[in-house]
Amino acid sequence: MPTGKTLNSTISVSLKGKSFNVARIKIIYRKLGKEQAYGIASSDGVIEIDSRLKSKKHLEVLIHELLHILNPKDSEEMIIRKSVTLTKILWKEGYRRIDQSTDHEPLQDGSK
């Protein structure tokens, strides 16, 4: 991912035909060497991820920072356990970051 690239996403849930926005998330890719971190999540929904991360570590850090935003009351230990577990499962199931196109099947809630 090129340094400075920004991705915006809104996480929504649909219940009984009504859609609710759960979190608006903005992901910024940049070098985080000075911060001595792979990723940083802010309470305003901004996630910064070190643009130098590759494959499995990128997946782990992305999940880790998303969990901080979605589960702000979880301890760091709990976030680590969940993110490592999810990363191992997704990796074992063959998840790889390959297709960046927007032409794909919708998710279960109808969103792309």
N, C-alpha and C. Protein backbone atom coordinates (compact mmCIF):
# COMPACT_ATOMS: atom_id res chain seq x y z
N MET A 1 0.85 -1.17 0.00
CA MET A 1 0.00 0.00 0.00
C MET A 1 0.90 1.23 0.00
N PRO A 2 0.69 2.16 -0.93
CA PRO A 2 1.52 3.35 -0.98
C PRO A 2 1.37 4.20 0.28
N THR A 3 2.44 4.86 0.67
CA THR A 3 2.40 5.73 1.83
C THR A 3 1.36 6.82 1.62
N GLY A 4 0.60 7.10 2.67
CA GLY A 4 -0.37 8.17 2.62
C GLY A 4 -1.71 7.80 2.03
N LYS A 5 -1.90 6.60 1.54
CA LYS A 5 -3.19 6.22 0.96
C LYS A 5 -4.24 6.15 2.06
N THR A 6 -5.42 6.67 1.78
CA THR A 6 -6.50 6.71 2.75
C THR A 6 -7.69 5.95 2.22
N LEU A 7 -8.29 5.12 3.07
CA LEU A 7 -9.50 4.39 2.72
C LEU A 7 -10.59 4.76 3.71
N ASN A 8 -11.80 5.03 3.24
CA ASN A 8 -12.93 5.34 4.11
C ASN A 8 -13.94 4.22 4.03
N SER A 9 -14.52 3.86 5.16
CA SER A 9 -15.50 2.81 5.20
C SER A 9 -16.48 3.06 6.33
N THR A 10 -17.72 2.69 6.12
CA THR A 10 -18.71 2.76 7.18
C THR A 10 -19.20 1.35 7.44
N ILE A 11 -19.18 0.96 8.70
CA ILE A 11 -19.69 -0.35 9.08
C ILE A 11 -21.13 -0.17 9.49
N SER A 12 -22.03 -0.86 8.81
CA SER A 12 -23.45 -0.76 9.08
C SER A 12 -24.02 -2.13 9.39
N VAL A 13 -25.11 -2.13 10.16
CA VAL A 13 -25.85 -3.36 10.41
C VAL A 13 -27.30 -3.12 10.03
N SER A 14 -27.94 -4.16 9.55
CA SER A 14 -29.33 -4.06 9.17
C SER A 14 -30.17 -4.95 10.08
N LEU A 15 -31.15 -4.36 10.74
CA LEU A 15 -32.04 -5.09 11.63
C LEU A 15 -33.47 -4.77 11.26
N LYS A 16 -34.25 -5.81 10.97
CA LYS A 16 -35.66 -5.64 10.63
C LYS A 16 -35.88 -4.58 9.56
N GLY A 17 -35.02 -4.59 8.55
CA GLY A 17 -35.17 -3.69 7.43
C GLY A 17 -34.62 -2.29 7.64
N LYS A 18 -34.11 -2.00 8.83
CA LYS A 18 -33.52 -0.69 9.10
C LYS A 18 -32.01 -0.82 9.17
N SER A 19 -31.31 0.14 8.58
CA SER A 19 -29.87 0.12 8.57
C SER A 19 -29.33 1.10 9.61
N PHE A 20 -28.34 0.65 10.38
CA PHE A 20 -27.72 1.48 11.41
C PHE A 20 -26.22 1.52 11.18
N ASN A 21 -25.65 2.72 11.19
CA ASN A 21 -24.20 2.85 11.09
C ASN A 21 -23.60 2.58 12.46
N VAL A 22 -22.71 1.62 12.53
CA VAL A 22 -22.07 1.25 13.78
C VAL A 22 -20.80 2.07 13.96
N ALA A 23 -20.02 2.19 12.92
CA ALA A 23 -18.76 2.93 13.03
C ALA A 23 -18.35 3.44 11.66
N ARG A 24 -17.88 4.66 11.62
CA ARG A 24 -17.28 5.21 10.40
C ARG A 24 -15.77 5.09 10.61
N ILE A 25 -15.11 4.40 9.71
CA ILE A 25 -13.70 4.11 9.88
C ILE A 25 -12.92 4.66 8.70
N LYS A 26 -11.84 5.35 9.03
CA LYS A 26 -10.93 5.89 8.01
C LYS A 26 -9.58 5.23 8.25
N ILE A 27 -9.02 4.62 7.22
CA ILE A 27 -7.72 3.95 7.34
C ILE A 27 -6.69 4.74 6.56
N ILE A 28 -5.63 5.11 7.25
CA ILE A 28 -4.54 5.87 6.65
C ILE A 28 -3.28 5.01 6.68
N TYR A 29 -2.64 4.87 5.53
CA TYR A 29 -1.39 4.12 5.44
C TYR A 29 -0.23 5.09 5.36
N ARG A 30 0.69 5.00 6.31
CA ARG A 30 1.90 5.81 6.31
C ARG A 30 2.95 5.11 7.16
N LYS A 31 4.18 5.51 7.03
CA LYS A 31 5.25 4.94 7.84
C LYS A 31 5.07 5.40 9.29
N LEU A 32 5.12 4.44 10.22
CA LEU A 32 4.92 4.74 11.64
C LEU A 32 6.19 4.51 12.45
N GLY A 33 7.34 4.70 11.84
CA GLY A 33 8.61 4.47 12.52
C GLY A 33 8.80 5.32 13.75
N LYS A 34 8.49 6.61 13.67
CA LYS A 34 8.66 7.51 14.82
C LYS A 34 7.75 7.11 15.98
N GLU A 35 6.57 6.58 15.65
CA GLU A 35 5.61 6.17 16.67
C GLU A 35 5.96 4.82 17.29
N GLN A 36 6.89 4.11 16.68
CA GLN A 36 7.28 2.76 17.12
C GLN A 36 6.06 1.86 17.28
N ALA A 37 5.20 1.87 16.23
CA ALA A 37 3.98 1.07 16.26
C ALA A 37 3.71 0.54 14.86
N TYR A 38 3.02 -0.60 14.80
CA TYR A 38 2.56 -1.12 13.52
C TYR A 38 1.25 -0.45 13.12
N GLY A 39 0.45 -0.10 14.13
CA GLY A 39 -0.84 0.52 13.87
C GLY A 39 -1.29 1.33 15.06
N ILE A 40 -2.18 2.29 14.78
CA ILE A 40 -2.72 3.16 15.82
C ILE A 40 -4.20 3.35 15.52
N ALA A 41 -5.05 3.17 16.55
CA ALA A 41 -6.48 3.42 16.40
C ALA A 41 -6.87 4.57 17.30
N SER A 42 -7.64 5.51 16.76
CA SER A 42 -8.12 6.65 17.53
C SER A 42 -9.62 6.48 17.78
N SER A 43 -10.10 7.07 18.86
CA SER A 43 -11.51 6.94 19.22
C SER A 43 -12.44 7.59 18.19
N ASP A 44 -11.89 8.45 17.33
CA ASP A 44 -12.71 9.09 16.29
C ASP A 44 -12.86 8.22 15.04
N GLY A 45 -12.38 6.97 15.10
CA GLY A 45 -12.53 6.04 13.99
C GLY A 45 -11.42 6.08 12.97
N VAL A 46 -10.33 6.74 13.29
CA VAL A 46 -9.19 6.80 12.37
C VAL A 46 -8.18 5.72 12.76
N ILE A 47 -7.80 4.91 11.78
CA ILE A 47 -6.79 3.88 11.97
C ILE A 47 -5.61 4.25 11.09
N GLU A 48 -4.42 4.22 11.68
CA GLU A 48 -3.20 4.43 10.91
C GLU A 48 -2.44 3.11 10.92
N ILE A 49 -2.02 2.67 9.74
CA ILE A 49 -1.29 1.41 9.61
C ILE A 49 0.02 1.70 8.88
N ASP A 50 1.08 1.10 9.38
CA ASP A 50 2.39 1.28 8.75
C ASP A 50 2.33 0.73 7.33
N SER A 51 2.64 1.59 6.38
CA SER A 51 2.54 1.23 4.96
C SER A 51 3.55 0.17 4.53
N ARG A 52 4.52 -0.14 5.38
CA ARG A 52 5.54 -1.14 5.02
C ARG A 52 5.13 -2.57 5.39
N LEU A 53 4.01 -2.72 6.10
CA LEU A 53 3.59 -4.07 6.51
C LEU A 53 3.17 -4.90 5.31
N LYS A 54 3.47 -6.17 5.38
CA LYS A 54 3.13 -7.10 4.31
C LYS A 54 2.24 -8.22 4.83
N SER A 55 1.50 -8.79 3.96
CA SER A 55 0.67 -9.98 4.09
C SER A 55 0.10 -10.26 5.48
N LYS A 56 0.56 -11.31 6.14
CA LYS A 56 -0.06 -11.78 7.37
C LYS A 56 0.02 -10.75 8.49
N LYS A 57 1.13 -10.03 8.61
CA LYS A 57 1.27 -9.01 9.65
C LYS A 57 0.31 -7.86 9.37
N HIS A 58 0.14 -7.48 8.11
CA HIS A 58 -0.82 -6.43 7.75
C HIS A 58 -2.22 -6.84 8.20
N LEU A 59 -2.60 -8.07 7.90
CA LEU A 59 -3.92 -8.58 8.29
C LEU A 59 -4.09 -8.52 9.81
N GLU A 60 -3.09 -8.98 10.55
CA GLU A 60 -3.16 -8.98 12.01
C GLU A 60 -3.34 -7.56 12.56
N VAL A 61 -2.56 -6.62 12.07
CA VAL A 61 -2.62 -5.24 12.57
C VAL A 61 -3.95 -4.59 12.20
N LEU A 62 -4.42 -4.82 10.98
CA LEU A 62 -5.71 -4.26 10.57
C LEU A 62 -6.83 -4.77 11.48
N ILE A 63 -6.87 -6.07 11.71
CA ILE A 63 -7.89 -6.65 12.61
C ILE A 63 -7.74 -6.08 14.01
N HIS A 64 -6.51 -6.01 14.51
CA HIS A 64 -6.23 -5.51 15.85
C HIS A 64 -6.78 -4.09 16.04
N GLU A 65 -6.47 -3.22 15.09
CA GLU A 65 -6.91 -1.82 15.21
C GLU A 65 -8.42 -1.69 15.03
N LEU A 66 -9.01 -2.48 14.14
CA LEU A 66 -10.47 -2.48 13.99
C LEU A 66 -11.15 -2.91 15.29
N LEU A 67 -10.58 -3.91 15.95
CA LEU A 67 -11.16 -4.37 17.22
C LEU A 67 -11.10 -3.28 18.28
N HIS A 68 -10.05 -2.49 18.30
CA HIS A 68 -9.98 -1.37 19.25
C HIS A 68 -11.15 -0.42 19.05
N ILE A 69 -11.50 -0.14 17.79
CA ILE A 69 -12.59 0.79 17.51
C ILE A 69 -13.95 0.15 17.80
N LEU A 70 -14.11 -1.11 17.43
CA LEU A 70 -15.40 -1.77 17.60
C LEU A 70 -15.64 -2.25 19.03
N ASN A 71 -14.58 -2.49 19.80
CA ASN A 71 -14.68 -2.97 21.18
C ASN A 71 -13.80 -2.13 22.09
N PRO A 72 -14.11 -0.85 22.25
CA PRO A 72 -13.22 0.05 22.99
C PRO A 72 -13.01 -0.31 24.46
N LYS A 73 -13.89 -1.10 25.04
CA LYS A 73 -13.75 -1.46 26.46
C LYS A 73 -12.89 -2.70 26.67
N ASP A 74 -12.55 -3.40 25.58
CA ASP A 74 -11.70 -4.59 25.72
C ASP A 74 -10.29 -4.19 26.14
N SER A 75 -9.67 -5.02 26.96
CA SER A 75 -8.28 -4.79 27.35
C SER A 75 -7.36 -5.06 26.16
N GLU A 76 -6.14 -4.55 26.24
CA GLU A 76 -5.16 -4.80 25.18
C GLU A 76 -4.91 -6.30 25.04
N GLU A 77 -4.85 -7.01 26.17
CA GLU A 77 -4.65 -8.46 26.14
C GLU A 77 -5.77 -9.16 25.38
N MET A 78 -7.01 -8.74 25.60
CA MET A 78 -8.16 -9.33 24.91
C MET A 78 -8.11 -9.01 23.41
N ILE A 79 -7.77 -7.78 23.07
CA ILE A 79 -7.65 -7.38 21.66
C ILE A 79 -6.58 -8.23 20.97
N ILE A 80 -5.46 -8.43 21.64
CA ILE A 80 -4.38 -9.24 21.06
C ILE A 80 -4.86 -10.67 20.84
N ARG A 81 -5.50 -11.26 21.84
CA ARG A 81 -5.99 -12.64 21.69
C ARG A 81 -6.97 -12.76 20.52
N LYS A 82 -7.91 -11.83 20.45
CA LYS A 82 -8.91 -11.88 19.38
C LYS A 82 -8.26 -11.67 18.01
N SER A 83 -7.37 -10.68 17.91
CA SER A 83 -6.78 -10.38 16.60
C SER A 83 -5.87 -11.50 16.11
N VAL A 84 -5.12 -12.10 17.02
CA VAL A 84 -4.25 -13.23 16.62
C VAL A 84 -5.10 -14.42 16.21
N THR A 85 -6.15 -14.71 16.98
CA THR A 85 -7.03 -15.83 16.65
C THR A 85 -7.69 -15.63 15.29
N LEU A 86 -8.27 -14.45 15.07
CA LEU A 86 -8.92 -14.18 13.79
C LEU A 86 -7.92 -14.22 12.63
N THR A 87 -6.73 -13.69 12.85
CA THR A 87 -5.70 -13.72 11.80
C THR A 87 -5.34 -15.15 11.44
N LYS A 88 -5.10 -15.98 12.45
CA LYS A 88 -4.74 -17.38 12.18
C LYS A 88 -5.84 -18.11 11.43
N ILE A 89 -7.10 -17.90 11.83
CA ILE A 89 -8.22 -18.57 11.16
C ILE A 89 -8.34 -18.10 9.71
N LEU A 90 -8.35 -16.78 9.51
CA LEU A 90 -8.49 -16.25 8.15
C LEU A 90 -7.33 -16.67 7.26
N TRP A 91 -6.11 -16.66 7.82
CA TRP A 91 -4.93 -17.05 7.04
C TRP A 91 -5.01 -18.53 6.66
N LYS A 92 -5.40 -19.36 7.62
CA LYS A 92 -5.52 -20.80 7.35
C LYS A 92 -6.60 -21.08 6.30
N GLU A 93 -7.63 -20.25 6.28
CA GLU A 93 -8.71 -20.40 5.31
C GLU A 93 -8.35 -19.82 3.94
N GLY A 94 -7.14 -19.29 3.82
CA GLY A 94 -6.67 -18.82 2.52
C GLY A 94 -6.87 -17.35 2.25
N TYR A 95 -7.28 -16.57 3.27
CA TYR A 95 -7.43 -15.13 3.03
C TYR A 95 -6.09 -14.54 2.64
N ARG A 96 -6.08 -13.80 1.54
CA ARG A 96 -4.91 -13.06 1.11
C ARG A 96 -5.40 -11.76 0.52
N ARG A 97 -4.63 -10.73 0.67
CA ARG A 97 -4.99 -9.42 0.15
C ARG A 97 -4.52 -9.34 -1.29
N ILE A 98 -5.44 -9.59 -2.22
CA ILE A 98 -5.06 -9.64 -3.62
C ILE A 98 -5.93 -8.70 -4.46
N ASP A 99 -7.22 -8.92 -4.47
CA ASP A 99 -8.14 -8.21 -5.34
C ASP A 99 -8.56 -6.88 -4.73
N GLN A 100 -8.15 -5.78 -5.34
CA GLN A 100 -8.51 -4.45 -4.86
C GLN A 100 -9.69 -3.86 -5.64
N SER A 101 -10.27 -4.63 -6.56
CA SER A 101 -11.37 -4.10 -7.35
C SER A 101 -12.63 -3.93 -6.50
N THR A 102 -13.53 -3.10 -6.97
CA THR A 102 -14.79 -2.88 -6.25
C THR A 102 -15.93 -3.70 -6.83
N ASP A 103 -15.63 -4.50 -7.85
CA ASP A 103 -16.64 -5.32 -8.51
C ASP A 103 -16.66 -6.70 -7.87
N HIS A 104 -17.43 -6.84 -6.78
CA HIS A 104 -17.50 -8.11 -6.09
C HIS A 104 -18.90 -8.32 -5.52
N GLU A 105 -19.16 -9.51 -5.06
CA GLU A 105 -20.46 -9.86 -4.51
C GLU A 105 -20.74 -9.06 -3.25
N PRO A 106 -22.00 -8.66 -3.03
CA PRO A 106 -22.33 -7.91 -1.81
C PRO A 106 -22.22 -8.80 -0.56
N LEU A 107 -22.04 -8.12 0.58
CA LEU A 107 -22.00 -8.82 1.86
C LEU A 107 -23.40 -9.24 2.28
N GLN A 108 -23.53 -9.94 3.37
CA GLN A 108 -24.82 -10.44 3.81
C GLN A 108 -25.84 -9.34 4.08
N ASP A 109 -25.36 -8.15 4.45
CA ASP A 109 -26.28 -7.04 4.71
C ASP A 109 -26.62 -6.26 3.44
N GLY A 110 -26.11 -6.72 2.29
CA GLY A 110 -26.39 -6.09 1.01
C GLY A 110 -25.36 -5.05 0.59
N SER A 111 -24.45 -4.68 1.49
CA SER A 111 -23.44 -3.68 1.16
C SER A 111 -22.31 -4.34 0.39
N LYS A 112 -21.55 -3.51 -0.31
CA LYS A 112 -20.38 -4.00 -1.03
C LYS A 112 -19.21 -3.66 -0.20
